[in-house]
Amino acid sequence: MLNIRRMKPGDLEKVVEIERKTFSEPWTYDSFEHSLESGNDIYLVAEEDGEIAGYCGLWGVIDEGQITNVAVAENHRRKGVGKQLLLRLLEEARAKKYRVFTLEVRVSNKPAIALYEQLGFVKEGIRKDFYRKPREDAVIMWLK
């Protein structure tokens, strides 16, 4: 059974491990730690059988949430973990009065783009050369 809850400092080692295995330019332990300390940001983890299966987060500014990280451990992918995390993240963000949401995603990440579209996000533009390793454009998506 999947349990989604707020991320806490004791989760950071596993979160950073998943981050490093998922992204070519991963966030550091300190980056996550700093985000956990902010009163405007929301970071969640999904646990299954006591193991962190994935995580996501957003930075909140006024009434806008910028989704910063969404990652699922390889052995937990294709089970709906990412979708459940995002649904809970949006629910908690709306409870904090965030009305609009944005994110960037690699143009080649078709599964993620499809998930975001399923949740109501719309492609609004392209950020040229947003990613460096490897160099790639990002799709800018919004949920309003």
C-alpha atoms as a PDB file:
ATOM      1  CA  MET A   1       0.000   0.000   0.000  1.00  0.00           C
ATOM      2  CA  LEU A   2       1.256   3.453  -0.929  1.00  0.00           C
ATOM      3  CA  ASN A   3       1.523   6.055   1.818  1.00  0.00           C
ATOM      4  CA  ILE A   4       2.056   9.685   0.747  1.00  0.00           C
ATOM      5  CA  ARG A   5       3.288  12.092   3.395  1.00  0.00           C
ATOM      6  CA  ARG A   6       5.348  15.228   3.903  1.00  0.00           C
ATOM      7  CA  MET A   7       9.061  14.786   3.324  1.00  0.00           C
ATOM      8  CA  LYS A   8      11.202  15.049   6.445  1.00  0.00           C
ATOM      9  CA  PRO A   9      14.952  15.409   7.016  1.00  0.00           C
ATOM     10  CA  GLY A  10      15.354  11.684   7.664  1.00  0.00           C
ATOM     11  CA  ASP A  11      14.170  10.994   4.095  1.00  0.00           C
ATOM     12  CA  LEU A  12      16.831  13.072   2.390  1.00  0.00           C
ATOM     13  CA  GLU A  13      19.514  10.402   1.897  1.00  0.00           C
ATOM     14  CA  LYS A  14      17.109   8.141  -0.007  1.00  0.00           C
ATOM     15  CA  VAL A  15      15.554  11.081  -1.869  1.00  0.00           C
ATOM     16  CA  VAL A  16      18.993  12.274  -3.016  1.00  0.00           C
ATOM     17  CA  GLU A  17      19.868   8.714  -4.081  1.00  0.00           C
ATOM     18  CA  ILE A  18      16.743   8.546  -6.286  1.00  0.00           C
ATOM     19  CA  GLU A  19      17.471  12.079  -7.552  1.00  0.00           C
ATOM     20  CA  ARG A  20      21.002  11.082  -8.624  1.00  0.00           C
ATOM     21  CA  LYS A  21      19.773   7.976 -10.422  1.00  0.00           C
ATOM     22  CA  THR A  22      16.996   9.895 -12.200  1.00  0.00           C
ATOM     23  CA  PHE A  23      18.465  13.225 -13.284  1.00  0.00           C
ATOM     24  CA  SER A  24      21.662  14.213 -15.096  1.00  0.00           C
ATOM     25  CA  GLU A  25      21.878  17.416 -13.026  1.00  0.00           C
ATOM     26  CA  PRO A  26      20.567  16.296  -9.643  1.00  0.00           C
ATOM     27  CA  TRP A  27      19.754  18.506  -6.722  1.00  0.00           C
ATOM     28  CA  THR A  28      22.070  18.231  -3.736  1.00  0.00           C
ATOM     29  CA  TYR A  29      21.224  17.199  -0.209  1.00  0.00           C
ATOM     30  CA  ASP A  30      21.545  20.867   0.805  1.00  0.00           C
ATOM     31  CA  SER A  31      19.082  21.965  -1.896  1.00  0.00           C
ATOM     32  CA  PHE A  32      16.415  19.623  -0.567  1.00  0.00           C
ATOM     33  CA  GLU A  33      17.212  20.512   3.030  1.00  0.00           C
ATOM     34  CA  HIS A  34      16.799  24.228   2.267  1.00  0.00           C
ATOM     35  CA  SER A  35      13.440  23.605   0.549  1.00  0.00           C
ATOM     36  CA  LEU A  36      12.174  21.636   3.547  1.00  0.00           C
ATOM     37  CA  GLU A  37      12.894  24.629   5.769  1.00  0.00           C
ATOM     38  CA  SER A  38      10.779  27.023   3.682  1.00  0.00           C
ATOM     39  CA  GLY A  39       7.263  27.617   4.898  1.00  0.00           C
ATOM     40  CA  ASN A  40       5.986  28.155   1.352  1.00  0.00           C
ATOM     41  CA  ASP A  41       7.326  24.972  -0.235  1.00  0.00           C
ATOM     42  CA  ILE A  42       5.695  21.550  -0.206  1.00  0.00           C
ATOM     43  CA  TYR A  43       7.730  18.340  -0.554  1.00  0.00           C
ATOM     44  CA  LEU A  44       6.155  14.889  -0.389  1.00  0.00           C
ATOM     45  CA  VAL A  45       7.381  11.305  -0.436  1.00  0.00           C
ATOM     46  CA  ALA A  46       5.555   8.130  -1.357  1.00  0.00           C
ATOM     47  CA  GLU A  47       6.380   5.091   0.754  1.00  0.00           C
ATOM     48  CA  GLU A  48       5.623   1.496  -0.092  1.00  0.00           C
ATOM     49  CA  ASP A  49       6.465  -1.237   2.403  1.00  0.00           C
ATOM     50  CA  GLY A  50       8.637   1.203   4.357  1.00  0.00           C
ATOM     51  CA  GLU A  51      10.694   2.164   1.299  1.00  0.00           C
ATOM     52  CA  ILE A  52      10.631   5.571  -0.381  1.00  0.00           C
ATOM     53  CA  ALA A  53       9.195   4.915  -3.827  1.00  0.00           C
ATOM     54  CA  GLY A  54       9.234   8.509  -5.070  1.00  0.00           C
ATOM     55  CA  TYR A  55       8.958  12.164  -4.201  1.00  0.00           C
ATOM     56  CA  CYS A  56       7.834  15.500  -5.564  1.00  0.00           C
ATOM     57  CA  GLY A  57       7.836  19.107  -4.550  1.00  0.00           C
ATOM     58  CA  LEU A  58       6.977  22.655  -5.375  1.00  0.00           C
ATOM     59  CA  TRP A  59       8.070  26.152  -4.534  1.00  0.00           C
ATOM     60  CA  GLY A  60       5.231  28.457  -3.603  1.00  0.00           C
ATOM     61  CA  VAL A  61       5.211  32.178  -4.357  1.00  0.00           C
ATOM     62  CA  ILE A  62       2.104  34.271  -3.656  1.00  0.00           C
ATOM     63  CA  ASP A  63      -0.597  32.170  -5.428  1.00  0.00           C
ATOM     64  CA  GLU A  64       1.660  30.201  -7.784  1.00  0.00           C
ATOM     65  CA  GLY A  65       3.278  26.805  -7.345  1.00  0.00           C
ATOM     66  CA  GLN A  66       6.318  25.878  -9.389  1.00  0.00           C
ATOM     67  CA  ILE A  67       6.723  22.125  -9.458  1.00  0.00           C
ATOM     68  CA  THR A  68      10.434  21.495  -9.083  1.00  0.00           C
ATOM     69  CA  ASN A  69      10.977  17.765  -8.676  1.00  0.00           C
ATOM     70  CA  VAL A  70       9.053  14.632  -9.536  1.00  0.00           C
ATOM     71  CA  ALA A  71      10.908  11.324  -9.418  1.00  0.00           C
ATOM     72  CA  VAL A  72      10.027   7.690  -8.863  1.00  0.00           C
ATOM     73  CA  ALA A  73      12.556   4.984  -8.013  1.00  0.00           C
ATOM     74  CA  GLU A  74      13.128   2.684 -10.957  1.00  0.00           C
ATOM     75  CA  ASN A  75      11.644  -0.393  -9.270  1.00  0.00           C
ATOM     76  CA  HIS A  76       8.413   1.544  -8.522  1.00  0.00           C
ATOM     77  CA  ARG A  77       7.799   3.048 -11.959  1.00  0.00           C
ATOM     78  CA  ARG A  78       4.713   2.369 -14.081  1.00  0.00           C
ATOM     79  CA  LYS A  79       2.565   1.797 -10.983  1.00  0.00           C
ATOM     80  CA  GLY A  80       0.935   5.235 -10.753  1.00  0.00           C
ATOM     81  CA  VAL A  81       3.218   6.507  -7.995  1.00  0.00           C
ATOM     82  CA  GLY A  82       4.043   9.735  -9.839  1.00  0.00           C
ATOM     83  CA  LYS A  83       0.402  10.463 -10.551  1.00  0.00           C
ATOM     84  CA  GLN A  84      -0.622   9.865  -6.933  1.00  0.00           C
ATOM     85  CA  LEU A  85       2.190  12.092  -5.693  1.00  0.00           C
ATOM     86  CA  LEU A  86       1.185  14.912  -8.039  1.00  0.00           C
ATOM     87  CA  LEU A  87      -2.489  14.651  -7.164  1.00  0.00           C
ATOM     88  CA  ARG A  88      -1.666  14.974  -3.457  1.00  0.00           C
ATOM     89  CA  LEU A  89       0.800  17.797  -4.142  1.00  0.00           C
ATOM     90  CA  LEU A  90      -1.845  19.771  -6.040  1.00  0.00           C
ATOM     91  CA  GLU A  91      -4.392  19.087  -3.296  1.00  0.00           C
ATOM     92  CA  GLU A  92      -2.070  20.357  -0.566  1.00  0.00           C
ATOM     93  CA  ALA A  93      -1.014  23.350  -2.647  1.00  0.00           C
ATOM     94  CA  ARG A  94      -4.609  24.363  -3.303  1.00  0.00           C
ATOM     95  CA  ALA A  95      -5.271  24.142   0.432  1.00  0.00           C
ATOM     96  CA  LYS A  96      -2.464  26.713   0.841  1.00  0.00           C
ATOM     97  CA  LYS A  97      -4.292  28.933  -1.698  1.00  0.00           C
ATOM     98  CA  TYR A  98      -2.004  28.316  -4.685  1.00  0.00           C
ATOM     99  CA  ARG A  99      -4.148  28.735  -7.805  1.00  0.00           C
ATOM    100  CA  VAL A 100      -1.821  28.183 -10.772  1.00  0.00           C
ATOM    101  CA  PHE A 101       1.012  25.726 -11.317  1.00  0.00           C
ATOM    102  CA  THR A 102       3.927  25.534 -13.690  1.00  0.00           C
ATOM    103  CA  LEU A 103       6.764  23.163 -14.485  1.00  0.00           C
ATOM    104  CA  GLU A 104       9.429  22.423 -17.076  1.00  0.00           C
ATOM    105  CA  VAL A 105      10.007  18.997 -18.573  1.00  0.00           C
ATOM    106  CA  ARG A 106      12.424  17.687 -21.192  1.00  0.00           C
ATOM    107  CA  VAL A 107      10.842  17.706 -24.657  1.00  0.00           C
ATOM    108  CA  SER A 108      11.885  14.040 -25.010  1.00  0.00           C
ATOM    109  CA  ASN A 109      10.173  12.928 -21.775  1.00  0.00           C
ATOM    110  CA  LYS A 110       6.943  11.806 -23.435  1.00  0.00           C
ATOM    111  CA  PRO A 111       5.663   9.723 -20.474  1.00  0.00           C
ATOM    112  CA  ALA A 112       5.961  12.704 -18.097  1.00  0.00           C
ATOM    113  CA  ILE A 113       4.362  15.081 -20.606  1.00  0.00           C
ATOM    114  CA  ALA A 114       1.455  12.648 -21.043  1.00  0.00           C
ATOM    115  CA  LEU A 115       0.991  12.422 -17.259  1.00  0.00           C
ATOM    116  CA  TYR A 116       1.017  16.200 -16.859  1.00  0.00           C
ATOM    117  CA  GLU A 117      -1.510  16.577 -19.683  1.00  0.00           C
ATOM    118  CA  GLN A 118      -3.710  13.937 -18.033  1.00  0.00           C
ATOM    119  CA  LEU A 119      -3.687  16.121 -14.903  1.00  0.00           C
ATOM    120  CA  GLY A 120      -4.753  19.183 -16.901  1.00  0.00           C
ATOM    121  CA  PHE A 121      -1.410  20.841 -17.598  1.00  0.00           C
ATOM    122  CA  VAL A 122      -1.140  22.578 -20.985  1.00  0.00           C
ATOM    123  CA  LYS A 123       1.986  23.204 -23.044  1.00  0.00           C
ATOM    124  CA  GLU A 124       2.579  26.957 -23.090  1.00  0.00           C
ATOM    125  CA  GLY A 125       6.068  27.338 -24.554  1.00  0.00           C
ATOM    126  CA  ILE A 126       9.622  26.120 -24.950  1.00  0.00           C
ATOM    127  CA  ARG A 127      12.750  27.074 -23.006  1.00  0.00           C
ATOM    128  CA  LYS A 128      15.629  26.669 -25.480  1.00  0.00           C
ATOM    129  CA  ASP A 129      18.616  24.699 -24.171  1.00  0.00           C
ATOM    130  CA  PHE A 130      17.141  24.631 -20.646  1.00  0.00           C
ATOM    131  CA  TYR A 131      18.891  21.342 -19.832  1.00  0.00           C
ATOM    132  CA  ARG A 132      22.642  20.946 -20.192  1.00  0.00           C
ATOM    133  CA  LYS A 133      23.375  17.238 -19.720  1.00  0.00           C
ATOM    134  CA  PRO A 134      22.448  16.377 -22.394  1.00  0.00           C
ATOM    135  CA  ARG A 135      21.564  19.711 -23.984  1.00  0.00           C
ATOM    136  CA  GLU A 136      17.833  19.801 -24.604  1.00  0.00           C
ATOM    137  CA  ASP A 137      14.876  22.154 -24.684  1.00  0.00           C
ATOM    138  CA  ALA A 138      12.206  22.143 -21.988  1.00  0.00           C
ATOM    139  CA  VAL A 139       8.474  22.280 -22.485  1.00  0.00           C
ATOM    140  CA  ILE A 140       6.874  24.864 -20.198  1.00  0.00           C
ATOM    141  CA  MET A 141       3.529  23.614 -18.906  1.00  0.00           C
ATOM    142  CA  TRP A 142       0.840  25.396 -16.891  1.00  0.00           C
ATOM    143  CA  LEU A 143      -2.198  24.321 -14.937  1.00  0.00           C
ATOM    144  CA  LYS A 144      -4.559  27.264 -14.416  1.00  0.00           C
END
